[in-house]
PDB file of N, CA and C in Angstrom:
ATOM      1  N   MET A   1     249.024 215.922 265.856  1.00  0.00           N
ATOM      2  CA  MET A   1     248.312 215.180 265.175  1.00  0.00           C
ATOM      3  C   MET A   1     248.793 213.383 266.210  1.00  0.00           C
ATOM      4  N   ASP A   2     248.208 212.540 266.156  1.00  0.00           N
ATOM      5  CA  ASP A   2     248.194 211.301 267.569  1.00  0.00           C
ATOM      6  C   ASP A   2     248.358 210.149 266.937  1.00  0.00           C
ATOM      7  N   PHE A   3     249.009 209.313 267.326  1.00  0.00           N
ATOM      8  CA  PHE A   3     249.969 208.245 266.791  1.00  0.00           C
ATOM      9  C   PHE A   3     249.460 206.888 267.804  1.00  0.00           C
ATOM     10  N   CYS A   4     249.647 205.926 266.405  1.00  0.00           N
ATOM     11  CA  CYS A   4     250.031 204.743 267.235  1.00  0.00           C
ATOM     12  C   CYS A   4     251.051 204.030 267.204  1.00  0.00           C
ATOM     13  N   PHE A   5     251.635 203.236 268.565  1.00  0.00           N
ATOM     14  CA  PHE A   5     253.372 202.771 268.681  1.00  0.00           C
ATOM     15  C   PHE A   5     253.163 201.364 269.093  1.00  0.00           C
ATOM     16  N   ALA A   6     253.640 201.133 268.371  1.00  0.00           N
ATOM     17  CA  ALA A   6     253.987 198.825 268.776  1.00  0.00           C
ATOM     18  C   ALA A   6     255.043 198.682 268.474  1.00  0.00           C
ATOM     19  N   ILE A   7     255.808 197.841 269.215  1.00  0.00           N
ATOM     20  CA  ILE A   7     257.188 197.624 269.280  1.00  0.00           C
ATOM     21  C   ILE A   7     256.410 195.658 269.465  1.00  0.00           C
ATOM     22  N   THR A   8     257.716 194.624 268.437  1.00  0.00           N
ATOM     23  CA  THR A   8     257.266 193.561 268.448  1.00  0.00           C
ATOM     24  C   THR A   8     258.550 192.915 268.751  1.00  0.00           C
ATOM     25  N   ASP A   9     259.200 191.870 269.220  1.00  0.00           N
ATOM     26  CA  ASP A   9     260.266 190.908 269.240  1.00  0.00           C
ATOM     27  C   ASP A   9     260.526 190.495 267.720  1.00  0.00           C
ATOM     28  N   ARG A  10     261.224 189.445 267.152  1.00  0.00           N
ATOM     29  CA  ARG A  10     262.484 189.653 266.122  1.00  0.00           C
ATOM     30  C   ARG A  10     261.334 188.208 265.724  1.00  0.00           C
ATOM     31  N   HIS A  11     260.412 187.650 266.355  1.00  0.00           N
ATOM     32  CA  HIS A  11     259.795 187.134 265.824  1.00  0.00           C
ATOM     33  C   HIS A  11     258.946 187.790 265.300  1.00  0.00           C
ATOM     34  N   GLY A  12     257.558 189.195 265.739  1.00  0.00           N
ATOM     35  CA  GLY A  12     256.093 189.270 265.659  1.00  0.00           C
ATOM     36  C   GLY A  12     256.021 189.632 266.487  1.00  0.00           C
ATOM     37  N   SER A  13     255.752 188.855 268.005  1.00  0.00           N
ATOM     38  CA  SER A  13     254.688 189.260 268.886  1.00  0.00           C
ATOM     39  C   SER A  13     255.066 190.233 268.894  1.00  0.00           C
ATOM     40  N   LEU A  14     253.850 190.944 269.767  1.00  0.00           N
ATOM     41  CA  LEU A  14     253.762 191.766 270.565  1.00  0.00           C
ATOM     42  C   LEU A  14     254.668 192.244 271.356  1.00  0.00           C
ATOM     43  N   ARG A  15     255.322 193.169 272.087  1.00  0.00           N
ATOM     44  CA  ARG A  15     256.129 193.152 272.895  1.00  0.00           C
ATOM     45  C   ARG A  15     255.336 194.953 274.070  1.00  0.00           C
ATOM     46  N   TYR A  16     255.103 195.911 273.420  1.00  0.00           N
ATOM     47  CA  TYR A  16     255.140 197.075 273.740  1.00  0.00           C
ATOM     48  C   TYR A  16     253.624 198.168 272.528  1.00  0.00           C
ATOM     49  N   PHE A  17     252.521 197.781 273.537  1.00  0.00           N
ATOM     50  CA  PHE A  17     252.200 199.194 272.418  1.00  0.00           C
ATOM     51  C   PHE A  17     251.538 200.489 272.923  1.00  0.00           C
ATOM     52  N   TYR A  18     251.756 201.599 272.634  1.00  0.00           N
ATOM     53  CA  TYR A  18     250.732 202.681 272.771  1.00  0.00           C
ATOM     54  C   TYR A  18     249.892 203.491 272.017  1.00  0.00           C
ATOM     55  N   ARG A  19     248.644 203.930 272.563  1.00  0.00           N
ATOM     56  CA  ARG A  19     248.222 205.214 271.791  1.00  0.00           C
ATOM     57  C   ARG A  19     247.916 206.400 271.483  1.00  0.00           C
ATOM     58  N   PHE A  20     248.271 206.989 271.367  1.00  0.00           N
ATOM     59  CA  PHE A  20     249.027 208.101 272.018  1.00  0.00           C
ATOM     60  C   PHE A  20     247.126 208.678 271.674  1.00  0.00           C
ATOM     61  N   GLY A  21     246.879 210.130 272.362  1.00  0.00           N
ATOM     62  CA  GLY A  21     245.776 210.956 271.945  1.00  0.00           C
ATOM     63  C   GLY A  21     244.697 209.793 272.027  1.00  0.00           C
ATOM     64  N   ASP A  22     244.205 210.524 270.603  1.00  0.00           N
ATOM     65  CA  ASP A  22     242.889 210.116 270.112  1.00  0.00           C
ATOM     66  C   ASP A  22     243.511 209.755 268.661  1.00  0.00           C
ATOM     67  N   ALA A  23     244.738 208.877 268.608  1.00  0.00           N
ATOM     68  CA  ALA A  23     244.760 208.496 267.117  1.00  0.00           C
ATOM     69  C   ALA A  23     243.737 207.409 266.767  1.00  0.00           C
ATOM     70  N   VAL A  24     243.463 207.548 265.304  1.00  0.00           N
ATOM     71  CA  VAL A  24     242.140 206.638 264.546  1.00  0.00           C
ATOM     72  C   VAL A  24     242.531 204.983 264.811  1.00  0.00           C
ATOM     73  N   LEU A  25     241.015 204.200 265.263  1.00  0.00           N
ATOM     74  CA  LEU A  25     241.264 203.186 265.410  1.00  0.00           C
ATOM     75  C   LEU A  25     241.979 202.278 264.746  1.00  0.00           C
ATOM     76  N   PRO A  26     241.982 202.330 262.606  1.00  0.00           N
ATOM     77  CA  PRO A  26     242.740 201.330 262.516  1.00  0.00           C
ATOM     78  C   PRO A  26     243.507 201.881 262.227  1.00  0.00           C
ATOM     79  N   SER A  27     243.971 202.825 262.893  1.00  0.00           N
ATOM     80  CA  SER A  27     245.940 202.991 263.681  1.00  0.00           C
ATOM     81  C   SER A  27     246.419 201.352 264.639  1.00  0.00           C
ATOM     82  N   VAL A  28     245.035 201.718 265.209  1.00  0.00           N
ATOM     83  CA  VAL A  28     246.269 200.544 266.701  1.00  0.00           C
ATOM     84  C   VAL A  28     246.111 199.061 265.398  1.00  0.00           C
ATOM     85  N   ASP A  29     245.757 198.576 265.012  1.00  0.00           N
ATOM     86  CA  ASP A  29     245.858 197.520 264.283  1.00  0.00           C
ATOM     87  C   ASP A  29     246.421 197.438 263.806  1.00  0.00           C
ATOM     88  N   ILE A  30     247.255 198.261 262.233  1.00  0.00           N
ATOM     89  CA  ILE A  30     247.981 199.040 261.355  1.00  0.00           C
ATOM     90  C   ILE A  30     249.520 199.081 261.963  1.00  0.00           C
ATOM     91  N   ALA A  31     249.795 199.546 263.283  1.00  0.00           N
ATOM     92  CA  ALA A  31     250.732 200.142 263.681  1.00  0.00           C
ATOM     93  C   ALA A  31     251.792 198.614 264.098  1.00  0.00           C
ATOM     94  N   GLN A  32     250.517 197.185 264.808  1.00  0.00           N
ATOM     95  CA  GLN A  32     250.780 196.345 265.443  1.00  0.00           C
ATOM     96  C   GLN A  32     251.369 196.293 263.918  1.00  0.00           C
ATOM     97  N   LYS A  33     250.342 195.254 263.244  1.00  0.00           N
ATOM     98  CA  LYS A  33     250.708 195.195 261.656  1.00  0.00           C
ATOM     99  C   LYS A  33     252.046 195.321 260.423  1.00  0.00           C
ATOM    100  N   LYS A  34     252.621 196.524 260.773  1.00  0.00           N
ATOM    101  CA  LYS A  34     253.634 197.303 260.024  1.00  0.00           C
ATOM    102  C   LYS A  34     255.406 196.776 261.198  1.00  0.00           C
ATOM    103  N   ALA A  35     255.194 197.163 262.697  1.00  0.00           N
ATOM    104  CA  ALA A  35     256.391 195.896 263.353  1.00  0.00           C
ATOM    105  C   ALA A  35     255.807 195.247 263.001  1.00  0.00           C
ATOM    106  N   TYR A  36     254.966 193.774 263.024  1.00  0.00           N
ATOM    107  CA  TYR A  36     254.875 193.063 262.910  1.00  0.00           C
ATOM    108  C   TYR A  36     255.823 192.993 261.511  1.00  0.00           C
ATOM    109  N   THR A  37     255.702 193.397 260.096  1.00  0.00           N
ATOM    110  CA  THR A  37     255.851 192.542 258.950  1.00  0.00           C
ATOM    111  C   THR A  37     257.879 193.634 259.036  1.00  0.00           C
ATOM    112  N   ALA A  38     257.888 194.482 259.713  1.00  0.00           N
ATOM    113  CA  ALA A  38     259.533 195.043 259.982  1.00  0.00           C
ATOM    114  C   ALA A  38     259.927 193.664 260.503  1.00  0.00           C
ATOM    115  N   ALA A  39     259.481 193.124 261.715  1.00  0.00           N
ATOM    116  CA  ALA A  39     260.896 192.345 262.169  1.00  0.00           C
ATOM    117  C   ALA A  39     260.492 191.157 261.710  1.00  0.00           C
ATOM    118  N   VAL A  40     259.907 190.767 260.732  1.00  0.00           N
ATOM    119  CA  VAL A  40     259.545 189.531 259.678  1.00  0.00           C
ATOM    120  C   VAL A  40     260.998 189.336 258.823  1.00  0.00           C
ATOM    121  N   THR A  41     260.238 190.589 258.636  1.00  0.00           N
ATOM    122  CA  THR A  41     260.939 190.458 256.752  1.00  0.00           C
ATOM    123  C   THR A  41     262.642 190.685 257.159  1.00  0.00           C
ATOM    124  N   GLY A  42     262.975 191.895 258.405  1.00  0.00           N
ATOM    125  CA  GLY A  42     264.637 192.428 258.380  1.00  0.00           C
ATOM    126  C   GLY A  42     264.056 193.713 257.765  1.00  0.00           C
ATOM    127  N   GLN A  43     263.276 194.610 256.651  1.00  0.00           N
ATOM    128  CA  GLN A  43     263.220 194.920 255.578  1.00  0.00           C
ATOM    129  C   GLN A  43     261.372 196.541 256.385  1.00  0.00           C
ATOM    130  N   THR A  44     261.758 197.514 256.085  1.00  0.00           N
ATOM    131  CA  THR A  44     261.080 198.644 256.222  1.00  0.00           C
ATOM    132  C   THR A  44     259.879 198.106 255.556  1.00  0.00           C
ATOM    133  N   THR A  45     258.111 198.229 255.740  1.00  0.00           N
ATOM    134  CA  THR A  45     257.336 197.935 255.104  1.00  0.00           C
ATOM    135  C   THR A  45     257.100 198.773 253.855  1.00  0.00           C
ATOM    136  N   ARG A  46     258.223 199.953 253.181  1.00  0.00           N
ATOM    137  CA  ARG A  46     258.252 200.504 252.412  1.00  0.00           C
ATOM    138  C   ARG A  46     258.686 199.602 251.346  1.00  0.00           C
ATOM    139  N   GLU A  47     259.909 199.252 252.359  1.00  0.00           N
ATOM    140  CA  GLU A  47     260.912 198.312 250.659  1.00  0.00           C
ATOM    141  C   GLU A  47     260.428 196.944 250.992  1.00  0.00           C
ATOM    142  N   PHE A  48     260.120 196.119 251.592  1.00  0.00           N
ATOM    143  CA  PHE A  48     258.706 195.318 251.938  1.00  0.00           C
ATOM    144  C   PHE A  48     257.776 195.225 250.695  1.00  0.00           C
ATOM    145  N   GLY A  49     256.861 196.602 250.224  1.00  0.00           N
ATOM    146  CA  GLY A  49     255.707 196.354 249.611  1.00  0.00           C
ATOM    147  C   GLY A  49     256.021 196.607 248.124  1.00  0.00           C
ATOM    148  N   LYS A  50     257.616 196.848 247.900  1.00  0.00           N
ATOM    149  CA  LYS A  50     257.840 196.783 246.492  1.00  0.00           C
ATOM    150  C   LYS A  50     257.963 195.613 245.979  1.00  0.00           C
ATOM    151  N   THR A  51     258.458 194.604 246.394  1.00  0.00           N
ATOM    152  CA  THR A  51     258.592 193.019 246.173  1.00  0.00           C
ATOM    153  C   THR A  51     257.059 192.489 246.007  1.00  0.00           C
ATOM    154  N   ALA A  52     256.239 193.276 246.875  1.00  0.00           N
ATOM    155  CA  ALA A  52     254.767 192.029 246.784  1.00  0.00           C
ATOM    156  C   ALA A  52     253.158 192.564 245.766  1.00  0.00           C
ATOM    157  N   GLN A  53     254.190 194.487 245.103  1.00  0.00           N
ATOM    158  CA  GLN A  53     253.025 193.952 244.270  1.00  0.00           C
ATOM    159  C   GLN A  53     253.372 193.383 242.939  1.00  0.00           C
ATOM    160  N   PRO A  54     252.391 194.043 241.801  1.00  0.00           N
ATOM    161  CA  PRO A  54     251.967 192.627 241.343  1.00  0.00           C
ATOM    162  C   PRO A  54     253.376 192.613 240.243  1.00  0.00           C
ATOM    163  N   GLY A  55     253.596 191.568 240.123  1.00  0.00           N
ATOM    164  CA  GLY A  55     254.558 190.974 239.351  1.00  0.00           C
ATOM    165  C   GLY A  55     256.077 191.326 240.525  1.00  0.00           C
ATOM    166  N   GLY A  56     255.705 190.728 241.341  1.00  0.00           N
ATOM    167  CA  GLY A  56     256.892 191.299 242.644  1.00  0.00           C
ATOM    168  C   GLY A  56     257.253 189.454 243.310  1.00  0.00           C
ATOM    169  N   ASP A  57     258.354 188.988 243.674  1.00  0.00           N
ATOM    170  CA  ASP A  57     258.801 187.605 243.611  1.00  0.00           C
ATOM    171  C   ASP A  57     257.221 187.552 244.816  1.00  0.00           C
ATOM    172  N   ILE A  58     256.797 187.889 244.785  1.00  0.00           N
ATOM    173  CA  ILE A  58     256.256 187.915 247.016  1.00  0.00           C
ATOM    174  C   ILE A  58     254.705 188.396 246.517  1.00  0.00           C
ATOM    175  N   PHE A  59     253.999 188.617 244.623  1.00  0.00           N
ATOM    176  CA  PHE A  59     252.767 188.840 244.787  1.00  0.00           C
ATOM    177  C   PHE A  59     252.010 187.781 245.568  1.00  0.00           C
ATOM    178  N   GLY A  60     250.928 188.806 246.615  1.00  0.00           N
ATOM    179  CA  GLY A  60     249.943 187.866 247.030  1.00  0.00           C
ATOM    180  C   GLY A  60     250.329 187.291 248.231  1.00  0.00           C
ATOM    181  N   ILE A  61     251.428 187.432 249.083  1.00  0.00           N
ATOM    182  CA  ILE A  61     251.673 186.913 250.288  1.00  0.00           C
ATOM    183  C   ILE A  61     250.616 187.506 251.825  1.00  0.00           C
ATOM    184  N   SER A  62     249.655 188.040 251.203  1.00  0.00           N
ATOM    185  CA  SER A  62     249.136 188.890 252.066  1.00  0.00           C
ATOM    186  C   SER A  62     247.819 187.452 251.948  1.00  0.00           C
ATOM    187  N   VAL A  63     247.482 186.622 251.262  1.00  0.00           N
ATOM    188  CA  VAL A  63     246.521 186.165 251.381  1.00  0.00           C
ATOM    189  C   VAL A  63     247.108 184.918 252.425  1.00  0.00           C
ATOM    190  N   ALA A  64     248.193 184.965 252.611  1.00  0.00           N
ATOM    191  CA  ALA A  64     248.880 183.641 253.061  1.00  0.00           C
ATOM    192  C   ALA A  64     249.414 184.025 254.301  1.00  0.00           C
ATOM    193  N   ILE A  65     249.494 185.123 255.108  1.00  0.00           N
ATOM    194  CA  ILE A  65     250.187 186.445 255.857  1.00  0.00           C
ATOM    195  C   ILE A  65     249.306 187.586 255.994  1.00  0.00           C
ATOM    196  N   PRO A  66     247.801 187.502 256.070  1.00  0.00           N
ATOM    197  CA  PRO A  66     247.270 188.138 256.294  1.00  0.00           C
ATOM    198  C   PRO A  66     247.317 189.696 257.747  1.00  0.00           C
ATOM    199  N   GLN A  67     248.212 189.512 258.214  1.00  0.00           N
ATOM    200  CA  GLN A  67     249.102 189.973 259.298  1.00  0.00           C
ATOM    201  C   GLN A  67     249.843 191.146 258.360  1.00  0.00           C
ATOM    202  N   VAL A  68     250.825 191.416 257.140  1.00  0.00           N
ATOM    203  CA  VAL A  68     251.758 191.737 256.816  1.00  0.00           C
ATOM    204  C   VAL A  68     251.238 192.902 256.204  1.00  0.00           C
ATOM    205  N   VAL A  69     251.745 193.951 256.144  1.00  0.00           N
ATOM    206  CA  VAL A  69     251.617 195.660 255.577  1.00  0.00           C
ATOM    207  C   VAL A  69     252.713 196.107 254.183  1.00  0.00           C
ATOM    208  N   PHE A  70     251.973 196.960 253.301  1.00  0.00           N
ATOM    209  CA  PHE A  70     253.129 197.161 252.486  1.00  0.00           C
ATOM    210  C   PHE A  70     253.280 198.481 252.540  1.00  0.00           C
ATOM    211  N   PHE A  71     253.029 199.335 252.912  1.00  0.00           N
ATOM    212  CA  PHE A  71     253.311 200.771 253.255  1.00  0.00           C
ATOM    213  C   PHE A  71     254.421 200.919 253.880  1.00  0.00           C
ATOM    214  N   GLY A  72     255.123 202.605 254.021  1.00  0.00           N
ATOM    215  CA  GLY A  72     255.081 203.341 255.377  1.00  0.00           C
ATOM    216  C   GLY A  72     255.301 203.200 256.086  1.00  0.00           C
ATOM    217  N   GLY A  73     256.213 203.130 257.072  1.00  0.00           N
ATOM    218  CA  GLY A  73     256.203 202.511 258.416  1.00  0.00           C
ATOM    219  C   GLY A  73     256.236 201.711 260.121  1.00  0.00           C
ATOM    220  N   GLY A  74     256.731 200.997 258.844  1.00  0.00           N
ATOM    221  CA  GLY A  74     257.717 199.812 260.046  1.00  0.00           C
ATOM    222  C   GLY A  74     258.820 200.114 259.716  1.00  0.00           C
ATOM    223  N   PHE A  75     260.129 199.753 260.329  1.00  0.00           N
ATOM    224  CA  PHE A  75     261.092 199.973 260.402  1.00  0.00           C
ATOM    225  C   PHE A  75     261.770 198.066 261.312  1.00  0.00           C
ATOM    226  N   PRO A  76     262.818 197.902 260.488  1.00  0.00           N
ATOM    227  CA  PRO A  76     263.213 196.635 262.126  1.00  0.00           C
ATOM    228  C   PRO A  76     264.026 197.936 262.759  1.00  0.00           C
ATOM    229  N   VAL A  77     264.051 196.573 264.224  1.00  0.00           N
ATOM    230  CA  VAL A  77     264.990 197.010 265.323  1.00  0.00           C
ATOM    231  C   VAL A  77     266.034 196.375 265.028  1.00  0.00           C
ATOM    232  N   LYS A  78     267.662 196.990 265.118  1.00  0.00           N
ATOM    233  CA  LYS A  78     268.496 196.198 264.937  1.00  0.00           C
ATOM    234  C   LYS A  78     269.688 196.549 266.305  1.00  0.00           C
ATOM    235  N   VAL A  79     270.224 195.887 266.626  1.00  0.00           N
ATOM    236  CA  VAL A  79     271.191 196.115 268.052  1.00  0.00           C
ATOM    237  C   VAL A  79     272.612 195.825 267.796  1.00  0.00           C
ATOM    238  N   LYS A  80     273.607 196.648 266.926  1.00  0.00           N
ATOM    239  CA  LYS A  80     274.822 196.137 267.016  1.00  0.00           C
ATOM    240  C   LYS A  80     274.050 195.252 265.525  1.00  0.00           C
ATOM    241  N   GLY A  81     274.215 195.451 264.426  1.00  0.00           N
ATOM    242  CA  GLY A  81     273.579 194.526 263.294  1.00  0.00           C
ATOM    243  C   GLY A  81     272.865 193.311 263.214  1.00  0.00           C
ATOM    244  N   LYS A  82     271.972 193.481 264.711  1.00  0.00           N
ATOM    245  CA  LYS A  82     271.511 191.969 265.452  1.00  0.00           C
ATOM    246  C   LYS A  82     269.645 192.105 264.645  1.00  0.00           C
ATOM    247  N   LEU A  83     269.032 191.545 263.981  1.00  0.00           N
ATOM    248  CA  LEU A  83     267.372 192.162 264.621  1.00  0.00           C
ATOM    249  C   LEU A  83     267.389 192.220 265.787  1.00  0.00           C
ATOM    250  N   VAL A  84     266.852 192.448 266.696  1.00  0.00           N
ATOM    251  CA  VAL A  84     265.711 192.077 267.869  1.00  0.00           C
ATOM    252  C   VAL A  84     264.483 192.757 268.069  1.00  0.00           C
ATOM    253  N   GLY A  85     263.508 193.077 266.530  1.00  0.00           N
ATOM    254  CA  GLY A  85     262.256 193.719 266.551  1.00  0.00           C
ATOM    255  C   GLY A  85     261.724 194.747 265.301  1.00  0.00           C
ATOM    256  N   GLY A  86     260.476 194.672 266.022  1.00  0.00           N
ATOM    257  CA  GLY A  86     259.864 195.749 264.577  1.00  0.00           C
ATOM    258  C   GLY A  86     259.826 197.120 265.283  1.00  0.00           C
ATOM    259  N   LEU A  87     259.330 197.697 265.299  1.00  0.00           N
ATOM    260  CA  LEU A  87     258.670 198.676 264.669  1.00  0.00           C
ATOM    261  C   LEU A  87     257.732 199.409 263.645  1.00  0.00           C
ATOM    262  N   GLY A  88     256.404 199.977 264.936  1.00  0.00           N
ATOM    263  CA  GLY A  88     255.103 200.064 263.584  1.00  0.00           C
ATOM    264  C   GLY A  88     254.627 201.447 264.139  1.00  0.00           C
ATOM    265  N   ILE A  89     254.034 202.235 263.297  1.00  0.00           N
ATOM    266  CA  ILE A  89     254.258 204.068 263.472  1.00  0.00           C
ATOM    267  C   ILE A  89     253.044 203.978 262.657  1.00  0.00           C
ATOM    268  N   SER A  90     251.413 204.038 263.836  1.00  0.00           N
ATOM    269  CA  SER A  90     250.583 204.325 262.541  1.00  0.00           C
ATOM    270  C   SER A  90     249.846 205.869 262.451  1.00  0.00           C
ATOM    271  N   GLY A  91     249.571 206.357 262.183  1.00  0.00           N
ATOM    272  CA  GLY A  91     247.934 207.743 262.484  1.00  0.00           C
ATOM    273  C   GLY A  91     248.337 208.837 261.721  1.00  0.00           C
ATOM    274  N   GLY A  92     249.450 208.796 260.680  1.00  0.00           N
ATOM    275  CA  GLY A  92     249.311 209.906 259.764  1.00  0.00           C
ATOM    276  C   GLY A  92     249.346 209.398 258.461  1.00  0.00           C
ATOM    277  N   THR A  93     250.010 210.448 257.959  1.00  0.00           N
ATOM    278  CA  THR A  93     250.379 209.951 256.014  1.00  0.00           C
ATOM    279  C   THR A  93     250.961 208.761 256.357  1.00  0.00           C
ATOM    280  N   VAL A  94     251.697 208.608 255.618  1.00  0.00           N
ATOM    281  CA  VAL A  94     252.554 207.395 255.441  1.00  0.00           C
ATOM    282  C   VAL A  94     254.055 208.616 255.597  1.00  0.00           C
ATOM    283  N   GLU A  95     254.463 209.389 255.163  1.00  0.00           N
ATOM    284  CA  GLU A  95     255.237 209.899 255.370  1.00  0.00           C
ATOM    285  C   GLU A  95     255.936 210.252 256.740  1.00  0.00           C
ATOM    286  N   GLU A  96     254.793 210.964 257.318  1.00  0.00           N
ATOM    287  CA  GLU A  96     254.726 211.040 258.847  1.00  0.00           C
ATOM    288  C   GLU A  96     254.630 210.029 259.799  1.00  0.00           C
ATOM    289  N   ASP A  97     254.516 209.037 259.739  1.00  0.00           N
ATOM    290  CA  ASP A  97     254.928 207.794 260.635  1.00  0.00           C
ATOM    291  C   ASP A  97     255.872 207.646 260.486  1.00  0.00           C
ATOM    292  N   GLU A  98     256.934 207.393 259.109  1.00  0.00           N
ATOM    293  CA  GLU A  98     258.525 207.435 258.736  1.00  0.00           C
ATOM    294  C   GLU A  98     258.717 207.911 259.759  1.00  0.00           C
ATOM    295  N   ALA A  99     258.772 209.602 260.057  1.00  0.00           N
ATOM    296  CA  ALA A  99     259.069 210.300 259.884  1.00  0.00           C
ATOM    297  C   ALA A  99     259.386 210.454 261.713  1.00  0.00           C
ATOM    298  N   VAL A 100     258.096 209.894 262.356  1.00  0.00           N
ATOM    299  CA  VAL A 100     257.726 209.352 263.489  1.00  0.00           C
ATOM    300  C   VAL A 100     258.679 208.883 264.094  1.00  0.00           C
ATOM    301  N   ALA A 101     258.935 207.404 263.194  1.00  0.00           N
ATOM    302  CA  ALA A 101     259.642 206.305 263.619  1.00  0.00           C
ATOM    303  C   ALA A 101     260.985 206.062 262.829  1.00  0.00           C
ATOM    304  N   ALA A 102     261.235 207.172 262.023  1.00  0.00           N
ATOM    305  CA  ALA A 102     262.421 207.039 262.398  1.00  0.00           C
ATOM    306  C   ALA A 102     263.371 208.130 263.411  1.00  0.00           C
ATOM    307  N   LYS A 103     262.209 208.821 264.107  1.00  0.00           N
ATOM    308  CA  LYS A 103     263.410 209.499 265.481  1.00  0.00           C
ATOM    309  C   LYS A 103     263.075 208.826 266.709  1.00  0.00           C
ATOM    310  N   ALA A 104     261.819 208.177 266.027  1.00  0.00           N
ATOM    311  CA  ALA A 104     262.705 206.889 267.646  1.00  0.00           C
ATOM    312  C   ALA A 104     263.456 206.273 267.002  1.00  0.00           C
ATOM    313  N   LEU A 105     263.568 205.280 265.941  1.00  0.00           N
ATOM    314  CA  LEU A 105     264.817 204.736 266.386  1.00  0.00           C
ATOM    315  C   LEU A 105     265.997 205.189 266.717  1.00  0.00           C
ATOM    316  N   GLU A 106     265.943 207.280 266.599  1.00  0.00           N
ATOM    317  CA  GLU A 106     267.025 207.490 266.395  1.00  0.00           C
ATOM    318  C   GLU A 106     267.436 207.456 268.469  1.00  0.00           C
ATOM    319  N   VAL A 107     266.637 208.054 268.794  1.00  0.00           N
ATOM    320  CA  VAL A 107     266.801 207.926 270.024  1.00  0.00           C
ATOM    321  C   VAL A 107     266.681 206.495 270.782  1.00  0.00           C
ATOM    322  N   PHE A 108     266.679 205.547 270.267  1.00  0.00           N
ATOM    323  CA  PHE A 108     266.876 203.850 270.144  1.00  0.00           C
ATOM    324  C   PHE A 108     268.136 204.168 270.605  1.00  0.00           C
ATOM    325  N   ARG A 109     268.704 204.587 269.068  1.00  0.00           N
ATOM    326  CA  ARG A 109     269.986 204.182 269.162  1.00  0.00           C
ATOM    327  C   ARG A 109     270.605 204.966 269.882  1.00  0.00           C
ATOM    328  N   GLN A 110     270.592 206.009 270.256  1.00  0.00           N
ATOM    329  CA  GLN A 110     271.091 206.966 270.799  1.00  0.00           C
ATOM    330  C   GLN A 110     271.710 205.941 272.585  1.00  0.00           C
ATOM    331  N   THR A 111     270.077 205.352 273.162  1.00  0.00           N
ATOM    332  CA  THR A 111     270.155 204.861 274.200  1.00  0.00           C
ATOM    333  C   THR A 111     270.303 203.853 275.020  1.00  0.00           C
ATOM    334  N   ALA A 112     270.914 203.326 273.158  1.00  0.00           N
ATOM    335  CA  ALA A 112     270.830 201.555 273.346  1.00  0.00           C
ATOM    336  C   ALA A 112     272.439 201.136 273.015  1.00  0.00           C
ATOM    337  N   GLY A 113     272.905 202.044 272.508  1.00  0.00           N
ATOM    338  CA  GLY A 113     274.700 202.436 272.401  1.00  0.00           C
ATOM    339  C   GLY A 113     274.448 201.162 271.280  1.00  0.00           C
TER     340      GLY A 113
END
């Protein structure tokens, strides 16, 4: 499976992007949107998606902010409890994207301290 990997700063601005192998083209945009969403909300995209569903507190937010996404694969990046950015993975199923993101965050935490 080939994935796209996006990292933003805490404001959602893209700082790093890489497309592995032949990741499908929609994954390029989706990974970046997942990273953006996680950074600006401070939540995983899965968590954020729960409040954006019909009847949720922020239902319809995608009309005002079209770059947000509501499905798994985006995670906030924190250092010593402080939000520093967002990570977005796309290219597989939601579960695969989340597993790759979790592993990437684990490696980040080991190296960042």
